[in-house]
Amino acid sequence: MILFFPQYQAGYVPSHIPLGTSFLRALWQGAPGFAEVPVQPTDPGAPDTDRNVRFRAILKRQMMDAMDIVKKAQPDFILTTGGDCGASFASIAYMNEKYNGKIGVVWVDAHADIHTPSSSPSGNYHGMVLRHLMGDVEFEIQPPLPLKAGQIAYLGLRDTEEAEDQVIARYAIPRFDALCVMRGNSPMDAVIDHFKKNGVTHLYLHIDCDVLDEKAFPHVHVPEPDGLSVERLLELLQYMRSKMPMAGCCLTEYAPETPGAGLDIVKRIYSEGLGLKLP
């Protein structure tokens, strides 16, 4: 299944993500199993913050629509693409239930995205997705089967806040920054070993485009220095797939300022990195 979810309200608004999604829609629309989640229009001047989550009501509606689409389709594999990191919730929640808590979520991202609403400085939901998937009580929609800490690992992480560092340390979640990943495969081996010790049988690869170095791929809202090269990201994804089968994957936060900028790299991530056949 290809879940095209052009959500952008979980991050920075106004956003360049809608420009990116127009190209991703054109790329995937003709593929078998394509399904699009409807996205509500947003007034940037009225973010409708509720309990420190910006656009909470809109995000809740879109999340429920995505969960309904996935539940009806009952896929064995999902590619989620098109929007911000918040678009990953429905697919990961579904896959974790389907695989009885035996998926390992590899968060390939510059940011940890493990805030709660009360700990988030921005109120942007794209920085809270993992904590939501873990079943934190501050979220009214709960995953059918929450992720356990042993099912999560970070590759490329390099921009965190103190509250996130505390959570990661408390739960002993493996974390490897981009510089460490650039040096060799030992971080990926450590993640696979960690997952196997925790009964994981399948991977879910979450890729945020900002894991790439800002010079290699500036087409994101929060570009960060000292990131991965394009070639190294492709190698990372290929290596992980060679070690354990993949239950699902996503590509998020493609936000070009000019039409189609960086799309050639995005296509390589899909095809070479994730092993997906482009239409």
Protein backbone atom coordinates (compact mmCIF):
# COMPACT_ATOMS: atom_id res chain seq x y z
CA MET A 1 0.00 0.00 0.00
CA ILE A 2 1.12 3.56 -0.73
CA LEU A 3 -0.41 5.92 1.82
CA PHE A 4 -0.05 9.39 0.37
CA PHE A 5 -0.56 11.78 3.29
CA PRO A 6 0.19 15.41 2.31
CA GLN A 7 -0.16 16.70 5.87
CA TYR A 8 1.84 19.80 6.74
CA GLN A 9 0.14 21.24 9.84
CA ALA A 10 2.20 19.18 12.29
CA GLY A 11 5.23 21.32 11.54
CA TYR A 12 5.92 24.88 10.52
CA VAL A 13 3.10 26.83 8.90
CA PRO A 14 3.28 28.48 6.35
CA SER A 15 5.05 25.49 4.84
CA HIS A 16 6.90 24.47 1.70
CA ILE A 17 5.69 20.90 2.16
CA PRO A 18 2.59 21.42 -0.07
CA LEU A 19 4.93 22.28 -2.94
CA GLY A 20 6.86 19.08 -2.31
CA THR A 21 3.72 16.97 -2.05
CA SER A 22 2.50 18.10 -5.45
CA PHE A 23 5.56 16.45 -7.01
CA LEU A 24 5.32 13.35 -4.82
CA ARG A 25 1.66 12.92 -5.71
CA ALA A 26 2.55 13.05 -9.41
CA LEU A 27 5.31 10.52 -8.77
CA TRP A 28 3.20 7.90 -6.96
CA GLN A 29 -0.39 8.47 -8.06
CA GLY A 30 -0.32 5.81 -10.77
CA ALA A 31 1.06 3.07 -8.54
CA PRO A 32 -1.04 0.08 -7.41
CA GLY A 33 -2.42 0.46 -3.90
CA PHE A 34 -2.27 4.26 -3.91
CA ALA A 35 -4.55 5.92 -1.35
CA GLU A 36 -4.63 9.60 -0.41
CA VAL A 37 -5.58 10.99 2.97
CA PRO A 38 -7.63 14.19 2.66
CA VAL A 39 -6.02 17.23 4.24
CA GLN A 40 -8.05 20.14 5.56
CA PRO A 41 -7.24 23.73 4.60
CA THR A 42 -5.37 25.69 7.23
CA ASP A 43 -5.33 29.36 8.18
CA PRO A 44 -1.71 30.13 9.14
CA GLY A 45 -2.92 33.08 11.18
CA ALA A 46 -5.16 30.91 13.34
CA PRO A 47 -3.27 27.82 14.48
CA ASP A 48 -6.03 26.81 16.91
CA THR A 49 -3.63 25.65 19.64
CA ASP A 50 -5.22 23.21 22.09
CA ARG A 51 -3.30 21.84 25.09
CA ASN A 52 -0.04 23.00 23.52
CA VAL A 53 -0.56 21.25 20.19
CA ARG A 54 -0.93 23.58 17.22
CA PHE A 55 -3.78 22.63 14.85
CA ARG A 56 -4.72 19.81 17.21
CA ALA A 57 -8.31 19.43 15.95
CA ILE A 58 -7.24 19.34 12.29
CA LEU A 59 -4.47 16.84 13.01
CA LYS A 60 -6.84 14.61 14.95
CA ARG A 61 -9.32 14.51 12.07
CA GLN A 62 -6.63 13.75 9.51
CA MET A 63 -5.09 11.08 11.75
CA MET A 64 -8.44 9.34 12.16
CA ASP A 65 -9.01 9.43 8.39
CA ALA A 66 -5.57 7.89 7.81
CA MET A 67 -6.20 5.17 10.39
CA ASP A 68 -9.56 4.33 8.76
CA ILE A 69 -7.98 4.06 5.29
CA VAL A 70 -5.23 1.76 6.53
CA LYS A 71 -7.56 -0.38 8.62
CA LYS A 72 -9.89 -0.95 5.66
CA ALA A 73 -7.02 -1.82 3.32
CA GLN A 74 -5.34 -4.25 5.77
CA PRO A 75 -1.97 -4.08 3.95
CA ASP A 76 1.06 -6.22 4.73
CA PHE A 77 3.38 -3.35 3.82
CA ILE A 78 2.95 0.43 3.77
CA LEU A 79 4.96 3.17 2.17
CA THR A 80 3.86 6.45 3.75
CA THR A 81 4.88 9.55 1.87
CA GLY A 82 3.93 13.10 1.14
CA GLY A 83 3.99 15.17 4.31
CA ASP A 84 5.45 15.87 7.72
CA CYS A 85 6.61 13.42 10.38
CA GLY A 86 3.14 13.38 11.93
CA ALA A 87 1.90 11.46 8.90
CA SER A 88 3.81 8.40 10.18
CA PHE A 89 1.57 7.77 13.20
CA ALA A 90 -1.25 5.83 11.52
CA SER A 91 1.04 3.52 9.54
CA ILE A 92 3.36 2.69 12.42
CA ALA A 93 0.46 2.17 14.83
CA TYR A 94 -1.20 -0.21 12.37
CA MET A 95 1.98 -2.13 11.60
CA ASN A 96 2.89 -2.55 15.25
CA GLU A 97 -0.48 -4.13 15.95
CA LYS A 98 -0.31 -6.30 12.82
CA TYR A 99 3.13 -7.61 13.74
CA ASN A 100 2.21 -8.10 17.42
CA GLY A 101 4.70 -5.60 18.75
CA LYS A 102 7.62 -7.09 16.82
CA ILE A 103 8.52 -4.20 14.54
CA GLY A 104 11.60 -2.11 15.16
CA VAL A 105 11.18 1.56 14.29
CA VAL A 106 14.42 3.09 13.02
CA TRP A 107 14.06 6.87 13.28
CA VAL A 108 16.48 8.17 10.64
CA ASP A 109 16.18 11.84 11.53
CA ALA A 110 18.15 14.82 12.77
CA HIS A 111 15.52 15.29 15.49
CA ALA A 112 14.22 12.98 18.21
CA ASP A 113 10.47 13.76 17.89
CA ILE A 114 9.82 12.32 21.36
CA HIS A 115 8.28 15.30 23.16
CA THR A 116 4.93 15.32 24.90
CA PRO A 117 2.66 18.33 24.40
CA SER A 118 3.65 19.64 27.83
CA SER A 119 7.39 19.35 27.14
CA SER A 120 7.36 20.74 23.58
CA PRO A 121 8.71 24.29 23.22
CA SER A 122 6.98 24.81 19.86
CA GLY A 123 3.69 22.93 20.13
CA ASN A 124 4.41 21.37 16.73
CA TYR A 125 3.15 17.79 16.64
CA HIS A 126 5.90 16.59 14.29
CA GLY A 127 8.20 16.74 17.32
CA MET A 128 5.91 14.44 19.38
CA VAL A 129 5.16 11.48 17.13
CA LEU A 130 7.28 8.83 18.83
CA ARG A 131 6.00 9.70 22.30
CA HIS A 132 2.46 9.45 20.93
CA LEU A 133 3.24 6.01 19.46
CA MET A 134 4.48 5.00 22.92
CA GLY A 135 0.99 5.68 24.26
CA ASP A 136 1.58 8.79 26.35
CA VAL A 137 -1.57 9.85 28.20
CA GLU A 138 -1.45 13.44 26.92
CA PHE A 139 -2.79 12.25 23.54
CA GLU A 140 -6.49 11.38 23.25
CA ILE A 141 -6.07 9.01 20.28
CA GLN A 142 -4.09 6.00 21.43
CA PRO A 143 -2.28 3.42 19.29
CA PRO A 144 -3.90 -0.04 19.46
CA LEU A 145 -0.58 -1.41 20.73
CA PRO A 146 1.89 1.19 22.01
CA LEU A 147 5.53 0.98 21.01
CA LYS A 148 7.92 -0.16 23.71
CA ALA A 149 11.24 1.59 24.14
CA GLY A 150 13.03 -1.57 22.94
CA GLN A 151 11.37 -1.12 19.56
CA ILE A 152 12.91 2.30 18.86
CA ALA A 153 16.37 3.38 17.72
CA TYR A 154 17.87 6.57 16.28
CA LEU A 155 20.29 6.91 13.39
CA GLY A 156 21.53 10.35 12.37
CA LEU A 157 20.18 12.10 15.47
CA ARG A 158 21.97 15.37 16.21
CA ASP A 159 19.57 18.11 17.33
CA THR A 160 17.73 17.31 20.56
CA GLU A 161 16.33 19.23 23.52
CA GLU A 162 16.93 18.47 27.17
CA ALA A 163 13.52 16.94 27.78
CA GLU A 164 14.08 14.58 24.85
CA ASP A 165 17.57 13.64 26.04
CA GLN A 166 16.11 12.73 29.41
CA VAL A 167 13.48 10.46 27.89
CA ILE A 168 15.99 8.76 25.58
CA ALA A 169 18.35 8.16 28.51
CA ARG A 170 15.59 6.96 30.85
CA TYR A 171 14.41 4.34 28.37
CA ALA A 172 17.94 3.50 27.13
CA ILE A 173 16.94 4.04 23.50
CA PRO A 174 19.93 3.55 21.18
CA ARG A 175 21.05 6.79 19.55
CA PHE A 176 23.80 7.38 17.03
CA ASP A 177 24.54 10.75 15.51
CA ALA A 178 25.26 11.35 11.85
CA LEU A 179 29.02 11.64 12.31
CA CYS A 180 29.09 8.22 13.96
CA VAL A 181 27.01 6.70 11.14
CA MET A 182 29.30 8.28 8.55
CA ARG A 183 32.30 6.42 10.02
CA GLY A 184 31.03 2.86 9.59
CA ASN A 185 28.33 0.23 10.03
CA SER A 186 28.77 -0.45 13.76
CA PRO A 187 25.79 1.79 14.70
CA MET A 188 23.50 -0.17 12.40
CA ASP A 189 24.80 -3.47 13.76
CA ALA A 190 24.17 -2.25 17.30
CA VAL A 191 20.59 -1.31 16.39
CA ILE A 192 19.91 -4.70 14.80
CA ASP A 193 21.37 -6.50 17.84
CA HIS A 194 19.24 -4.34 20.15
CA PHE A 195 16.11 -5.17 18.19
CA LYS A 196 16.82 -8.90 18.10
CA LYS A 197 17.29 -8.92 21.88
CA ASN A 198 13.84 -7.35 22.15
CA GLY A 199 12.08 -9.84 19.87
CA VAL A 200 11.87 -7.61 16.80
CA THR A 201 11.41 -9.44 13.49
CA HIS A 202 10.69 -6.62 11.00
CA LEU A 203 11.84 -3.05 10.47
CA TYR A 204 9.93 0.14 9.91
CA LEU A 205 12.28 2.73 8.41
CA HIS A 206 11.25 6.33 9.05
CA ILE A 207 13.29 8.81 7.02
CA ASP A 208 13.09 12.54 7.61
CA CYS A 209 14.88 14.40 4.81
CA ASP A 210 16.64 16.61 7.38
CA VAL A 211 18.84 13.67 8.38
CA LEU A 212 20.86 14.70 5.33
CA ASP A 213 23.49 17.37 5.71
CA GLU A 214 22.14 20.83 4.95
CA LYS A 215 24.68 21.28 2.15
CA ALA A 216 23.66 18.02 0.50
CA PHE A 217 19.91 18.55 0.85
CA PRO A 218 18.67 21.98 1.97
CA HIS A 219 15.07 21.30 0.89
CA VAL A 220 13.65 20.97 4.43
CA HIS A 221 12.24 23.37 7.02
CA VAL A 222 14.92 22.68 9.63
CA PRO A 223 18.21 21.99 7.81
CA GLU A 224 21.01 20.89 10.12
CA PRO A 225 24.80 20.78 9.67
CA ASP A 226 26.93 17.68 10.21
CA GLY A 227 24.40 15.35 8.63
CA LEU A 228 24.59 12.35 6.34
CA SER A 229 25.73 12.51 2.77
CA VAL A 230 23.26 11.26 0.19
CA GLU A 231 25.41 8.22 -0.60
CA ARG A 232 25.74 7.31 3.07
CA LEU A 233 21.99 7.51 3.63
CA LEU A 234 21.45 5.16 0.72
CA GLU A 235 24.07 2.76 2.12
CA LEU A 236 22.47 2.92 5.57
CA LEU A 237 19.04 2.00 4.25
CA GLN A 238 20.40 -0.78 2.04
CA TYR A 239 22.39 -2.19 4.96
CA MET A 240 19.43 -2.20 7.33
CA ARG A 241 17.23 -3.92 4.74
CA SER A 242 19.89 -6.59 4.25
CA LYS A 243 19.79 -7.44 7.97
CA MET A 244 16.04 -7.67 8.60
CA PRO A 245 12.87 -7.62 6.45
CA MET A 246 10.98 -4.36 6.17
CA ALA A 247 7.32 -4.07 7.21
CA GLY A 248 6.97 -0.47 6.17
CA CYS A 249 8.74 2.80 5.56
CA CYS A 250 8.13 6.49 5.13
CA LEU A 251 9.75 9.55 3.67
CA THR A 252 8.82 12.85 5.29
CA GLU A 253 9.49 16.60 5.41
CA TYR A 254 10.37 17.18 1.76
CA ALA A 255 9.89 20.95 1.63
CA PRO A 256 11.52 22.55 -1.43
CA GLU A 257 11.39 26.31 -1.85
CA THR A 258 11.49 25.98 -5.64
CA PRO A 259 9.45 23.48 -7.68
CA GLY A 260 11.09 20.07 -7.94
CA ALA A 261 14.33 21.03 -6.17
CA GLY A 262 16.00 17.90 -4.79
CA LEU A 263 13.44 15.54 -6.33
CA ASP A 264 16.20 13.55 -8.02
CA ILE A 265 17.62 12.74 -4.57
CA VAL A 266 14.19 11.87 -3.20
CA LYS A 267 13.71 9.40 -6.05
CA ARG A 268 17.05 7.78 -5.23
CA ILE A 269 16.02 7.35 -1.60
CA TYR A 270 12.86 5.58 -2.70
CA SER A 271 14.48 3.34 -5.30
CA GLU A 272 18.08 2.76 -4.23
CA GLY A 273 17.71 3.22 -0.49
CA LEU A 274 14.30 1.67 0.20
CA GLY A 275 14.27 -0.70 -2.75
CA LEU A 276 10.89 0.52 -4.03
CA LYS A 277 9.90 0.42 -7.69
CA LEU A 278 8.87 3.85 -8.91
CA PRO A 279 5.80 3.92 -11.18
